[in-house]
Structure formats: structure tokens, C-alpha cells
């Protein structure tokens, strides 16, 4: 069932805030920029992970060194799931942060 616009934005805002909180509590050296609904994670080595909301598709899009990924909200599990492999946003962020040389953070709650 599609989300209404307000619910979609609330869910994206919530997950972006959770990501910021996780990174703030971690030992990773990452700059966090949140502007216009786009969350950008900038690592020491200059690489970035960009999370943007796509309202028309009701998805979160993630751009990283290894490619782009689209996430749909799964209400049954209260998680954002990758449209191609159903891994959670948290699982992907764990892998992407390590892949980009930032180290590990615990995104398992996502």
C-alpha cells in the first residue's frame, strides 16, 4: 500500500536522523551534511555516500562508490529494503562504509 506524502517524508526524516545518530555515536571520522532532504556522508578519503528521497517512487536512493541502490519501505518489518536484493538499508550501509574505507558502524537497527 503506497504511503501518503507526509508519511513518506516522516519515515525518511526518521531514518536519516537515525543514521546521523549512529554515526555520531561511532568512532568513524565522517562529515555529515543534511540539506534539502539529501543526506551526504563524506569520509576522510574524500569518498561519499549520498542518500536522497525520491517521493514520486517512494524510495530512498543511495549512491556510493560501488553504484546506486534503491530502497522501498517494508511496513511489515519497519525497514527500508533494497529493491534488487531485499537487504536492509542498515546492511547496505554497514557494507558501504567498510568498502569506502571508513570502517564499521553498527547500522543493524536499520
PDB file of N, CA and C in Angstrom:
ATOM      1  N   UNK A   1       0.843  -1.174   0.000  1.00  0.00           N
ATOM      2  CA  UNK A   1       0.000   0.000   0.000  1.00  0.00           C
ATOM      3  C   UNK A   1       0.894   1.244   0.000  1.00  0.00           C
ATOM      4  N   UNK A   2       0.684   2.140  -0.948  1.00  0.00           N
ATOM      5  CA  UNK A   2       1.512   3.341  -1.029  1.00  0.00           C
ATOM      6  C   UNK A   2       1.321   4.234   0.202  1.00  0.00           C
ATOM      7  N   UNK A   3       2.391   4.914   0.549  1.00  0.00           N
ATOM      8  CA  UNK A   3       2.355   5.868   1.653  1.00  0.00           C
ATOM      9  C   UNK A   3       1.850   7.213   1.141  1.00  0.00           C
ATOM     10  N   UNK A   4       1.186   7.971   2.007  1.00  0.00           N
ATOM     11  CA  UNK A   4       0.880   9.334   1.599  1.00  0.00           C
ATOM     12  C   UNK A   4       2.168  10.148   1.713  1.00  0.00           C
ATOM     13  N   UNK A   5       2.190  11.302   1.100  1.00  0.00           N
ATOM     14  CA  UNK A   5       3.401  12.108   1.030  1.00  0.00           C
ATOM     15  C   UNK A   5       3.948  12.447   2.410  1.00  0.00           C
ATOM     16  N   UNK A   6       3.090  12.814   3.317  1.00  0.00           N
ATOM     17  CA  UNK A   6       3.519  13.186   4.665  1.00  0.00           C
ATOM     18  C   UNK A   6       4.160  12.011   5.394  1.00  0.00           C
ATOM     19  N   UNK A   7       3.540  10.834   5.303  1.00  0.00           N
ATOM     20  CA  UNK A   7       4.084   9.638   5.960  1.00  0.00           C
ATOM     21  C   UNK A   7       5.438   9.267   5.364  1.00  0.00           C
ATOM     22  N   UNK A   8       5.554   9.355   4.039  1.00  0.00           N
ATOM     23  CA  UNK A   8       6.823   9.049   3.377  1.00  0.00           C
ATOM     24  C   UNK A   8       7.930   9.967   3.899  1.00  0.00           C
ATOM     25  N   UNK A   9       7.678  11.262   3.921  1.00  0.00           N
ATOM     26  CA  UNK A   9       8.699  12.216   4.372  1.00  0.00           C
ATOM     27  C   UNK A   9       9.047  11.998   5.844  1.00  0.00           C
ATOM     28  N   UNK A  10       8.046  11.692   6.662  1.00  0.00           N
ATOM     29  CA  UNK A  10       8.313  11.410   8.084  1.00  0.00           C
ATOM     30  C   UNK A  10       9.225  10.198   8.234  1.00  0.00           C
ATOM     31  N   UNK A  11       8.975   9.147   7.459  1.00  0.00           N
ATOM     32  CA  UNK A  11       9.802   7.938   7.539  1.00  0.00           C
ATOM     33  C   UNK A  11      11.231   8.200   7.079  1.00  0.00           C
ATOM     34  N   UNK A  12      11.379   8.967   6.008  1.00  0.00           N
ATOM     35  CA  UNK A  12      12.726   9.291   5.513  1.00  0.00           C
ATOM     36  C   UNK A  12      13.452  10.175   6.521  1.00  0.00           C
ATOM     37  N   UNK A  13      12.762  11.176   7.052  1.00  0.00           N
ATOM     38  CA  UNK A  13      13.380  12.039   8.064  1.00  0.00           C
ATOM     39  C   UNK A  13      13.845  11.218   9.262  1.00  0.00           C
ATOM     40  N   UNK A  14      13.006  10.283   9.678  1.00  0.00           N
ATOM     41  CA  UNK A  14      13.345   9.443  10.834  1.00  0.00           C
ATOM     42  C   UNK A  14      14.583   8.591  10.569  1.00  0.00           C
ATOM     43  N   UNK A  15      14.644   7.936   9.424  1.00  0.00           N
ATOM     44  CA  UNK A  15      15.790   7.061   9.147  1.00  0.00           C
ATOM     45  C   UNK A  15      17.057   7.886   8.942  1.00  0.00           C
ATOM     46  N   UNK A  16      16.946   9.061   8.331  1.00  0.00           N
ATOM     47  CA  UNK A  16      18.127   9.898   8.175  1.00  0.00           C
ATOM     48  C   UNK A  16      18.645  10.357   9.539  1.00  0.00           C
ATOM     49  N   UNK A  17      17.742  10.693  10.451  1.00  0.00           N
ATOM     50  CA  UNK A  17      18.169  11.101  11.793  1.00  0.00           C
ATOM     51  C   UNK A  17      18.829   9.929  12.523  1.00  0.00           C
ATOM     52  N   UNK A  18      18.279   8.745  12.358  1.00  0.00           N
ATOM     53  CA  UNK A  18      18.871   7.555  12.989  1.00  0.00           C
ATOM     54  C   UNK A  18      20.273   7.294  12.451  1.00  0.00           C
ATOM     55  N   UNK A  19      20.466   7.470  11.151  1.00  0.00           N
ATOM     56  CA  UNK A  19      21.790   7.300  10.546  1.00  0.00           C
ATOM     57  C   UNK A  19      22.764   8.311  11.148  1.00  0.00           C
ATOM     58  N   UNK A  20      22.340   9.562  11.242  1.00  0.00           N
ATOM     59  CA  UNK A  20      23.199  10.592  11.841  1.00  0.00           C
ATOM     60  C   UNK A  20      23.557  10.231  13.280  1.00  0.00           C
ATOM     61  N   UNK A  21      22.571   9.767  14.054  1.00  0.00           N
ATOM     62  CA  UNK A  21      22.811   9.398  15.462  1.00  0.00           C
ATOM     63  C   UNK A  21      23.801   8.244  15.567  1.00  0.00           C
ATOM     64  N   UNK A  22      23.638   7.240  14.713  1.00  0.00           N
ATOM     65  CA  UNK A  22      24.546   6.083  14.722  1.00  0.00           C
ATOM     66  C   UNK A  22      25.966   6.537  14.418  1.00  0.00           C
ATOM     67  N   UNK A  23      26.116   7.382  13.414  1.00  0.00           N
ATOM     68  CA  UNK A  23      27.451   7.860  13.041  1.00  0.00           C
ATOM     69  C   UNK A  23      28.050   8.750  14.124  1.00  0.00           C
ATOM     70  N   UNK A  24      27.228   9.574  14.749  1.00  0.00           N
ATOM     71  CA  UNK A  24      27.718  10.430  15.839  1.00  0.00           C
ATOM     72  C   UNK A  24      28.228   9.601  17.011  1.00  0.00           C
ATOM     73  N   UNK A  25      27.582   8.450  17.256  1.00  0.00           N
ATOM     74  CA  UNK A  25      27.968   7.577  18.369  1.00  0.00           C
ATOM     75  C   UNK A  25      29.093   6.615  18.012  1.00  0.00           C
ATOM     76  N   UNK A  26      29.477   6.582  16.744  1.00  0.00           N
ATOM     77  CA  UNK A  26      30.517   5.648  16.300  1.00  0.00           C
ATOM     78  C   UNK A  26      31.890   6.304  16.376  1.00  0.00           C
ATOM     79  N   UNK A  27      32.902   5.512  16.078  1.00  0.00           N
ATOM     80  CA  UNK A  27      34.268   6.015  16.028  1.00  0.00           C
ATOM     81  C   UNK A  27      34.677   6.447  14.623  1.00  0.00           C
ATOM     82  N   UNK A  28      33.742   6.393  13.691  1.00  0.00           N
ATOM     83  CA  UNK A  28      34.068   6.756  12.314  1.00  0.00           C
ATOM     84  C   UNK A  28      34.296   8.258  12.196  1.00  0.00           C
ATOM     85  N   UNK A  29      35.261   8.620  11.372  1.00  0.00           N
ATOM     86  CA  UNK A  29      35.519  10.022  11.086  1.00  0.00           C
ATOM     87  C   UNK A  29      34.794  10.359   9.790  1.00  0.00           C
ATOM     88  N   UNK A  30      33.599  10.874   9.931  1.00  0.00           N
ATOM     89  CA  UNK A  30      32.757  11.162   8.774  1.00  0.00           C
ATOM     90  C   UNK A  30      32.060  12.501   8.992  1.00  0.00           C
ATOM     91  N   UNK A  31      32.043  13.311   7.950  1.00  0.00           N
ATOM     92  CA  UNK A  31      31.296  14.560   7.985  1.00  0.00           C
ATOM     93  C   UNK A  31      29.894  14.268   7.459  1.00  0.00           C
ATOM     94  N   UNK A  32      28.907  14.812   8.141  1.00  0.00           N
ATOM     95  CA  UNK A  32      27.514  14.571   7.786  1.00  0.00           C
ATOM     96  C   UNK A  32      26.897  15.892   7.351  1.00  0.00           C
ATOM     97  N   UNK A  33      26.330  15.884   6.164  1.00  0.00           N
ATOM     98  CA  UNK A  33      25.641  17.065   5.645  1.00  0.00           C
ATOM     99  C   UNK A  33      24.218  16.666   5.319  1.00  0.00           C
ATOM    100  N   UNK A  34      23.254  17.421   5.827  1.00  0.00           N
ATOM    101  CA  UNK A  34      21.852  17.153   5.537  1.00  0.00           C
ATOM    102  C   UNK A  34      21.233  18.448   5.041  1.00  0.00           C
ATOM    103  N   UNK A  35      20.898  18.453   3.761  1.00  0.00           N
ATOM    104  CA  UNK A  35      20.360  19.662   3.151  1.00  0.00           C
ATOM    105  C   UNK A  35      19.306  19.290   2.116  1.00  0.00           C
ATOM    106  N   UNK A  36      18.142  19.881   2.258  1.00  0.00           N
ATOM    107  CA  UNK A  36      17.089  19.646   1.268  1.00  0.00           C
ATOM    108  C   UNK A  36      16.660  18.204   1.173  1.00  0.00           C
ATOM    109  N   UNK A  37      16.746  17.461   2.277  1.00  0.00           N
ATOM    110  CA  UNK A  37      16.345  16.065   2.262  1.00  0.00           C
ATOM    111  C   UNK A  37      17.382  15.115   1.706  1.00  0.00           C
ATOM    112  N   UNK A  38      18.574  15.637   1.426  1.00  0.00           N
ATOM    113  CA  UNK A  38      19.665  14.803   0.932  1.00  0.00           C
ATOM    114  C   UNK A  38      20.706  14.685   2.031  1.00  0.00           C
ATOM    115  N   UNK A  39      20.987  13.458   2.430  1.00  0.00           N
ATOM    116  CA  UNK A  39      21.973  13.187   3.464  1.00  0.00           C
ATOM    117  C   UNK A  39      23.260  12.733   2.786  1.00  0.00           C
ATOM    118  N   UNK A  40      24.332  13.483   3.020  1.00  0.00           N
ATOM    119  CA  UNK A  40      25.618  13.172   2.410  1.00  0.00           C
ATOM    120  C   UNK A  40      26.619  12.834   3.500  1.00  0.00           C
ATOM    121  N   UNK A  41      27.256  11.685   3.364  1.00  0.00           N
ATOM    122  CA  UNK A  41      28.296  11.239   4.283  1.00  0.00           C
ATOM    123  C   UNK A  41      29.622  11.379   3.552  1.00  0.00           C
ATOM    124  N   UNK A  42      30.519  12.187   4.103  1.00  0.00           N
ATOM    125  CA  UNK A  42      31.808  12.450   3.461  1.00  0.00           C
ATOM    126  C   UNK A  42      32.900  11.869   4.351  1.00  0.00           C
ATOM    127  N   UNK A  43      33.687  10.940   3.801  1.00  0.00           N
ATOM    128  CA  UNK A  43      34.710  10.235   4.550  1.00  0.00           C
ATOM    129  C   UNK A  43      36.076  10.888   4.366  1.00  0.00           C
ATOM    130  N   UNK A  44      37.005  10.537   5.252  1.00  0.00           N
ATOM    131  CA  UNK A  44      38.362  11.098   5.239  1.00  0.00           C
ATOM    132  C   UNK A  44      39.022  11.035   3.867  1.00  0.00           C
ATOM    133  N   UNK A  45      38.791   9.945   3.157  1.00  0.00           N
ATOM    134  CA  UNK A  45      39.450   9.755   1.869  1.00  0.00           C
ATOM    135  C   UNK A  45      38.753  10.498   0.726  1.00  0.00           C
ATOM    136  N   UNK A  46      37.731  11.295   1.072  1.00  0.00           N
ATOM    137  CA  UNK A  46      37.021  12.079   0.066  1.00  0.00           C
ATOM    138  C   UNK A  46      35.839  11.370  -0.563  1.00  0.00           C
ATOM    139  N   UNK A  47      35.697  10.076  -0.313  1.00  0.00           N
ATOM    140  CA  UNK A  47      34.560   9.366  -0.893  1.00  0.00           C
ATOM    141  C   UNK A  47      33.274   9.754  -0.156  1.00  0.00           C
ATOM    142  N   UNK A  48      32.159   9.538  -0.827  1.00  0.00           N
ATOM    143  CA  UNK A  48      30.870   9.929  -0.274  1.00  0.00           C
ATOM    144  C   UNK A  48      29.838   8.827  -0.445  1.00  0.00           C
ATOM    145  N   UNK A  49      28.878   8.843   0.457  1.00  0.00           N
ATOM    146  CA  UNK A  49      27.644   8.074   0.302  1.00  0.00           C
ATOM    147  C   UNK A  49      26.531   9.107   0.378  1.00  0.00           C
ATOM    148  N   UNK A  50      25.658   9.104  -0.616  1.00  0.00           N
ATOM    149  CA  UNK A  50      24.584  10.086  -0.688  1.00  0.00           C
ATOM    150  C   UNK A  50      23.243   9.368  -0.637  1.00  0.00           C
ATOM    151  N   UNK A  51      22.400   9.779   0.302  1.00  0.00           N
ATOM    152  CA  UNK A  51      21.057   9.226   0.447  1.00  0.00           C
ATOM    153  C   UNK A  51      20.067  10.316   0.091  1.00  0.00           C
ATOM    154  N   UNK A  52      19.231  10.042  -0.903  1.00  0.00           N
ATOM    155  CA  UNK A  52      18.245  11.050  -1.319  1.00  0.00           C
ATOM    156  C   UNK A  52      16.860  10.414  -1.365  1.00  0.00           C
ATOM    157  N   UNK A  53      15.886  11.245  -1.093  1.00  0.00           N
ATOM    158  CA  UNK A  53      14.498  10.777  -1.135  1.00  0.00           C
ATOM    159  C   UNK A  53      13.937  10.978  -2.538  1.00  0.00           C
ATOM    160  N   UNK A  54      13.216   9.999  -2.993  1.00  0.00           N
ATOM    161  CA  UNK A  54      12.570  10.064  -4.305  1.00  0.00           C
ATOM    162  C   UNK A  54      11.074   9.899  -4.076  1.00  0.00           C
ATOM    163  N   UNK A  55      10.405  11.034  -3.878  1.00  0.00           N
ATOM    164  CA  UNK A  55       8.997  10.999  -3.491  1.00  0.00           C
ATOM    165  C   UNK A  55       8.117  10.310  -4.526  1.00  0.00           C
ATOM    166  N   UNK A  56       8.331  10.589  -5.793  1.00  0.00           N
ATOM    167  CA  UNK A  56       7.485  10.007  -6.835  1.00  0.00           C
ATOM    168  C   UNK A  56       7.521   8.479  -6.802  1.00  0.00           C
ATOM    169  N   UNK A  57       8.683   7.919  -6.491  1.00  0.00           N
ATOM    170  CA  UNK A  57       8.847   6.462  -6.433  1.00  0.00           C
ATOM    171  C   UNK A  57       8.654   5.928  -5.003  1.00  0.00           C
ATOM    172  N   UNK A  58       8.571   6.833  -4.031  1.00  0.00           N
ATOM    173  CA  UNK A  58       8.504   6.495  -2.608  1.00  0.00           C
ATOM    174  C   UNK A  58       9.678   5.602  -2.218  1.00  0.00           C
ATOM    175  N   UNK A  59      10.857   6.030  -2.623  1.00  0.00           N
ATOM    176  CA  UNK A  59      12.079   5.284  -2.352  1.00  0.00           C
ATOM    177  C   UNK A  59      13.150   6.199  -1.775  1.00  0.00           C
ATOM    178  N   UNK A  60      14.118   5.559  -1.129  1.00  0.00           N
ATOM    179  CA  UNK A  60      15.372   6.210  -0.789  1.00  0.00           C
ATOM    180  C   UNK A  60      16.388   5.673  -1.778  1.00  0.00           C
ATOM    181  N   UNK A  61      17.126   6.580  -2.402  1.00  0.00           N
ATOM    182  CA  UNK A  61      18.181   6.182  -3.322  1.00  0.00           C
ATOM    183  C   UNK A  61      19.514   6.430  -2.642  1.00  0.00           C
ATOM    184  N   UNK A  62      20.406   5.467  -2.765  1.00  0.00           N
ATOM    185  CA  UNK A  62      21.736   5.564  -2.179  1.00  0.00           C
ATOM    186  C   UNK A  62      22.758   5.489  -3.305  1.00  0.00           C
ATOM    187  N   UNK A  63      23.633   6.478  -3.348  1.00  0.00           N
ATOM    188  CA  UNK A  63      24.725   6.485  -4.320  1.00  0.00           C
ATOM    189  C   UNK A  63      26.029   6.318  -3.549  1.00  0.00           C
ATOM    190  N   UNK A  64      26.836   5.378  -4.002  1.00  0.00           N
ATOM    191  CA  UNK A  64      28.123   5.097  -3.351  1.00  0.00           C
ATOM    192  C   UNK A  64      29.130   4.754  -4.437  1.00  0.00           C
ATOM    193  N   UNK A  65      30.346   4.546  -4.014  1.00  0.00           N
ATOM    194  CA  UNK A  65      31.428   4.216  -4.937  1.00  0.00           C
ATOM    195  C   UNK A  65      31.073   3.002  -5.803  1.00  0.00           C
ATOM    196  N   UNK A  66      30.413   2.025  -5.201  1.00  0.00           N
ATOM    197  CA  UNK A  66      30.119   0.778  -5.922  1.00  0.00           C
ATOM    198  C   UNK A  66      28.832   0.817  -6.738  1.00  0.00           C
ATOM    199  N   UNK A  67      28.102   1.928  -6.698  1.00  0.00           N
ATOM    200  CA  UNK A  67      26.911   2.016  -7.521  1.00  0.00           C
ATOM    201  C   UNK A  67      25.744   2.669  -6.814  1.00  0.00           C
ATOM    202  N   UNK A  68      24.583   2.541  -7.435  1.00  0.00           N
ATOM    203  CA  UNK A  68      23.359   3.116  -6.899  1.00  0.00           C
ATOM    204  C   UNK A  68      22.395   2.029  -6.470  1.00  0.00           C
ATOM    205  N   UNK A  69      21.658   2.312  -5.408  1.00  0.00           N
ATOM    206  CA  UNK A  69      20.747   1.328  -4.827  1.00  0.00           C
ATOM    207  C   UNK A  69      19.437   2.030  -4.467  1.00  0.00           C
ATOM    208  N   UNK A  70      18.326   1.321  -4.672  1.00  0.00           N
ATOM    209  CA  UNK A  70      17.006   1.878  -4.400  1.00  0.00           C
ATOM    210  C   UNK A  70      16.358   1.077  -3.274  1.00  0.00           C
ATOM    211  N   UNK A  71      15.755   1.795  -2.321  1.00  0.00           N
ATOM    212  CA  UNK A  71      15.171   1.159  -1.145  1.00  0.00           C
ATOM    213  C   UNK A  71      13.702   1.525  -1.019  1.00  0.00           C
ATOM    214  N   UNK A  72      12.882   0.490  -0.811  1.00  0.00           N
ATOM    215  CA  UNK A  72      11.450   0.650  -0.587  1.00  0.00           C
ATOM    216  C   UNK A  72      11.157   0.403   0.884  1.00  0.00           C
ATOM    217  N   UNK A  73      10.149   1.092   1.404  1.00  0.00           N
ATOM    218  CA  UNK A  73       9.774   0.886   2.797  1.00  0.00           C
ATOM    219  C   UNK A  73       8.921  -0.369   2.912  1.00  0.00           C
ATOM    220  N   UNK A  74       9.319  -1.268   3.823  1.00  0.00           N
ATOM    221  CA  UNK A  74       8.564  -2.504   4.090  1.00  0.00           C
ATOM    222  C   UNK A  74       7.890  -2.338   5.449  1.00  0.00           C
ATOM    223  N   UNK A  75       6.601  -2.052   5.423  1.00  0.00           N
ATOM    224  CA  UNK A  75       5.867  -1.785   6.662  1.00  0.00           C
ATOM    225  C   UNK A  75       5.848  -2.993   7.592  1.00  0.00           C
ATOM    226  N   UNK A  76       5.851  -4.207   7.026  1.00  0.00           N
ATOM    227  CA  UNK A  76       5.789  -5.411   7.859  1.00  0.00           C
ATOM    228  C   UNK A  76       7.017  -5.567   8.753  1.00  0.00           C
ATOM    229  N   UNK A  77       8.166  -5.068   8.303  1.00  0.00           N
ATOM    230  CA  UNK A  77       9.386  -5.174   9.104  1.00  0.00           C
ATOM    231  C   UNK A  77       9.867  -3.810   9.617  1.00  0.00           C
ATOM    232  N   UNK A  78       9.165  -2.746   9.209  1.00  0.00           N
ATOM    233  CA  UNK A  78       9.535  -1.383   9.584  1.00  0.00           C
ATOM    234  C   UNK A  78      10.977  -1.073   9.174  1.00  0.00           C
ATOM    235  N   UNK A  79      11.351  -1.516   7.977  1.00  0.00           N
ATOM    236  CA  UNK A  79      12.704  -1.305   7.455  1.00  0.00           C
ATOM    237  C   UNK A  79      12.631  -0.888   5.993  1.00  0.00           C
ATOM    238  N   UNK A  80      13.686  -0.205   5.576  1.00  0.00           N
ATOM    239  CA  UNK A  80      13.868   0.109   4.167  1.00  0.00           C
ATOM    240  C   UNK A  80      14.654  -1.043   3.548  1.00  0.00           C
ATOM    241  N   UNK A  81      14.132  -1.630   2.460  1.00  0.00           N
ATOM    242  CA  UNK A  81      14.731  -2.797   1.828  1.00  0.00           C
ATOM    243  C   UNK A  81      15.142  -2.484   0.395  1.00  0.00           C
ATOM    244  N   UNK A  82      16.316  -2.987   0.019  1.00  0.00           N
ATOM    245  CA  UNK A  82      16.835  -2.790  -1.328  1.00  0.00           C
ATOM    246  C   UNK A  82      15.914  -3.488  -2.333  1.00  0.00           C
ATOM    247  N   UNK A  83      15.545  -2.769  -3.363  1.00  0.00           N
ATOM    248  CA  UNK A  83      14.608  -3.325  -4.345  1.00  0.00           C
ATOM    249  C   UNK A  83      15.213  -4.476  -5.144  1.00  0.00           C
ATOM    250  N   UNK A  84      16.532  -4.565  -5.211  1.00  0.00           N
ATOM    251  CA  UNK A  84      17.145  -5.629  -6.013  1.00  0.00           C
ATOM    252  C   UNK A  84      17.441  -6.900  -5.224  1.00  0.00           C
ATOM    253  N   UNK A  85      17.760  -6.772  -3.932  1.00  0.00           N
ATOM    254  CA  UNK A  85      18.127  -7.983  -3.184  1.00  0.00           C
ATOM    255  C   UNK A  85      17.469  -8.110  -1.809  1.00  0.00           C
ATOM    256  N   UNK A  86      16.625  -7.158  -1.454  1.00  0.00           N
ATOM    257  CA  UNK A  86      15.865  -7.170  -0.194  1.00  0.00           C
ATOM    258  C   UNK A  86      16.713  -7.036   1.070  1.00  0.00           C
ATOM    259  N   UNK A  87      18.017  -6.761   0.916  1.00  0.00           N
ATOM    260  CA  UNK A  87      18.824  -6.473   2.107  1.00  0.00           C
ATOM    261  C   UNK A  87      18.367  -5.140   2.674  1.00  0.00           C
ATOM    262  N   UNK A  88      18.480  -4.997   3.985  1.00  0.00           N
ATOM    263  CA  UNK A  88      18.034  -3.764   4.628  1.00  0.00           C
ATOM    264  C   UNK A  88      19.008  -2.621   4.347  1.00  0.00           C
ATOM    265  N   UNK A  89      18.519  -1.417   4.523  1.00  0.00           N
ATOM    266  CA  UNK A  89      19.359  -0.238   4.385  1.00  0.00           C
ATOM    267  C   UNK A  89      20.539  -0.326   5.347  1.00  0.00           C
ATOM    268  N   UNK A  90      20.294  -0.816   6.554  1.00  0.00           N
ATOM    269  CA  UNK A  90      21.376  -0.963   7.529  1.00  0.00           C
ATOM    270  C   UNK A  90      22.456  -1.922   7.066  1.00  0.00           C
ATOM    271  N   UNK A  91      22.058  -3.046   6.479  1.00  0.00           N
ATOM    272  CA  UNK A  91      23.044  -3.999   5.967  1.00  0.00           C
ATOM    273  C   UNK A  91      23.884  -3.364   4.865  1.00  0.00           C
ATOM    274  N   UNK A  92      23.224  -2.619   3.990  1.00  0.00           N
ATOM    275  CA  UNK A  92      23.953  -1.961   2.912  1.00  0.00           C
ATOM    276  C   UNK A  92      24.892  -0.893   3.446  1.00  0.00           C
ATOM    277  N   UNK A  93      24.430  -0.087   4.406  1.00  0.00           N
ATOM    278  CA  UNK A  93      25.291   0.961   4.952  1.00  0.00           C
ATOM    279  C   UNK A  93      26.500   0.369   5.663  1.00  0.00           C
ATOM    280  N   UNK A  94      26.310  -0.743   6.379  1.00  0.00           N
ATOM    281  CA  UNK A  94      27.450  -1.438   7.000  1.00  0.00           C
ATOM    282  C   UNK A  94      28.500  -1.750   5.937  1.00  0.00           C
ATOM    283  N   UNK A  95      28.046  -2.389   4.860  1.00  0.00           N
ATOM    284  CA  UNK A  95      28.966  -2.817   3.807  1.00  0.00           C
ATOM    285  C   UNK A  95      29.588  -1.628   3.083  1.00  0.00           C
ATOM    286  N   UNK A  96      28.796  -0.615   2.773  1.00  0.00           N
ATOM    287  CA  UNK A  96      29.300   0.521   2.007  1.00  0.00           C
ATOM    288  C   UNK A  96      30.319   1.333   2.799  1.00  0.00           C
ATOM    289  N   UNK A  97      30.078   1.538   4.087  1.00  0.00           N
ATOM    290  CA  UNK A  97      31.044   2.286   4.903  1.00  0.00           C
ATOM    291  C   UNK A  97      32.384   1.559   4.952  1.00  0.00           C
ATOM    292  N   UNK A  98      32.343   0.245   5.104  1.00  0.00           N
ATOM    293  CA  UNK A  98      33.587  -0.515   5.135  1.00  0.00           C
ATOM    294  C   UNK A  98      34.259  -0.508   3.772  1.00  0.00           C
ATOM    295  N   UNK A  99      33.465  -0.664   2.718  1.00  0.00           N
ATOM    296  CA  UNK A  99      34.005  -0.682   1.364  1.00  0.00           C
ATOM    297  C   UNK A  99      34.694   0.637   1.013  1.00  0.00           C
ATOM    298  N   UNK A 100      34.174   1.725   1.528  1.00  0.00           N
ATOM    299  CA  UNK A 100      34.734   3.032   1.210  1.00  0.00           C
ATOM    300  C   UNK A 100      35.832   3.434   2.178  1.00  0.00           C
ATOM    301  N   UNK A 101      36.274   2.475   2.982  1.00  0.00           N
ATOM    302  CA  UNK A 101      37.435   2.693   3.822  1.00  0.00           C
ATOM    303  C   UNK A 101      37.170   3.438   5.107  1.00  0.00           C
ATOM    304  N   UNK A 102      35.910   3.591   5.468  1.00  0.00           N
ATOM    305  CA  UNK A 102      35.585   4.359   6.665  1.00  0.00           C
ATOM    306  C   UNK A 102      35.658   3.514   7.926  1.00  0.00           C
ATOM    307  N   UNK A 103      35.513   2.207   7.792  1.00  0.00           N
ATOM    308  CA  UNK A 103      35.460   1.339   8.953  1.00  0.00           C
ATOM    309  C   UNK A 103      34.028   0.909   9.208  1.00  0.00           C
ATOM    310  N   UNK A 104      33.801   0.395  10.405  1.00  0.00           N
ATOM    311  CA  UNK A 104      32.495  -0.198  10.722  1.00  0.00           C
ATOM    312  C   UNK A 104      31.717   0.681  11.690  1.00  0.00           C
ATOM    313  N   UNK A 105      30.435   0.711  11.485  1.00  0.00           N
ATOM    314  CA  UNK A 105      29.478   1.298  12.424  1.00  0.00           C
ATOM    315  C   UNK A 105      28.338   0.297  12.517  1.00  0.00           C
ATOM    316  N   UNK A 106      27.595   0.336  13.587  1.00  0.00           N
ATOM    317  CA  UNK A 106      26.530  -0.648  13.793  1.00  0.00           C
ATOM    318  C   UNK A 106      25.188  -0.092  13.308  1.00  0.00           C
ATOM    319  N   UNK A 107      24.866  -0.405  12.070  1.00  0.00           N
ATOM    320  CA  UNK A 107      23.610   0.014  11.478  1.00  0.00           C
ATOM    321  C   UNK A 107      22.535  -1.068  11.567  1.00  0.00           C
ATOM    322  N   UNK A 108      22.743  -2.078  12.395  1.00  0.00           N
ATOM    323  CA  UNK A 108      21.834  -3.228  12.456  1.00  0.00           C
ATOM    324  C   UNK A 108      20.405  -2.845  12.842  1.00  0.00           C
ATOM    325  N   UNK A 109      20.222  -1.731  13.534  1.00  0.00           N
ATOM    326  CA  UNK A 109      18.883  -1.300  13.933  1.00  0.00           C
ATOM    327  C   UNK A 109      18.071  -0.777  12.758  1.00  0.00           C
ATOM    328  N   UNK A 110      18.750  -0.554  11.646  1.00  0.00           N
ATOM    329  CA  UNK A 110      18.044  -0.054  10.461  1.00  0.00           C
ATOM    330  C   UNK A 110      17.612  -1.214   9.609  1.00  0.00           C
TER     331      UNK A 110
END
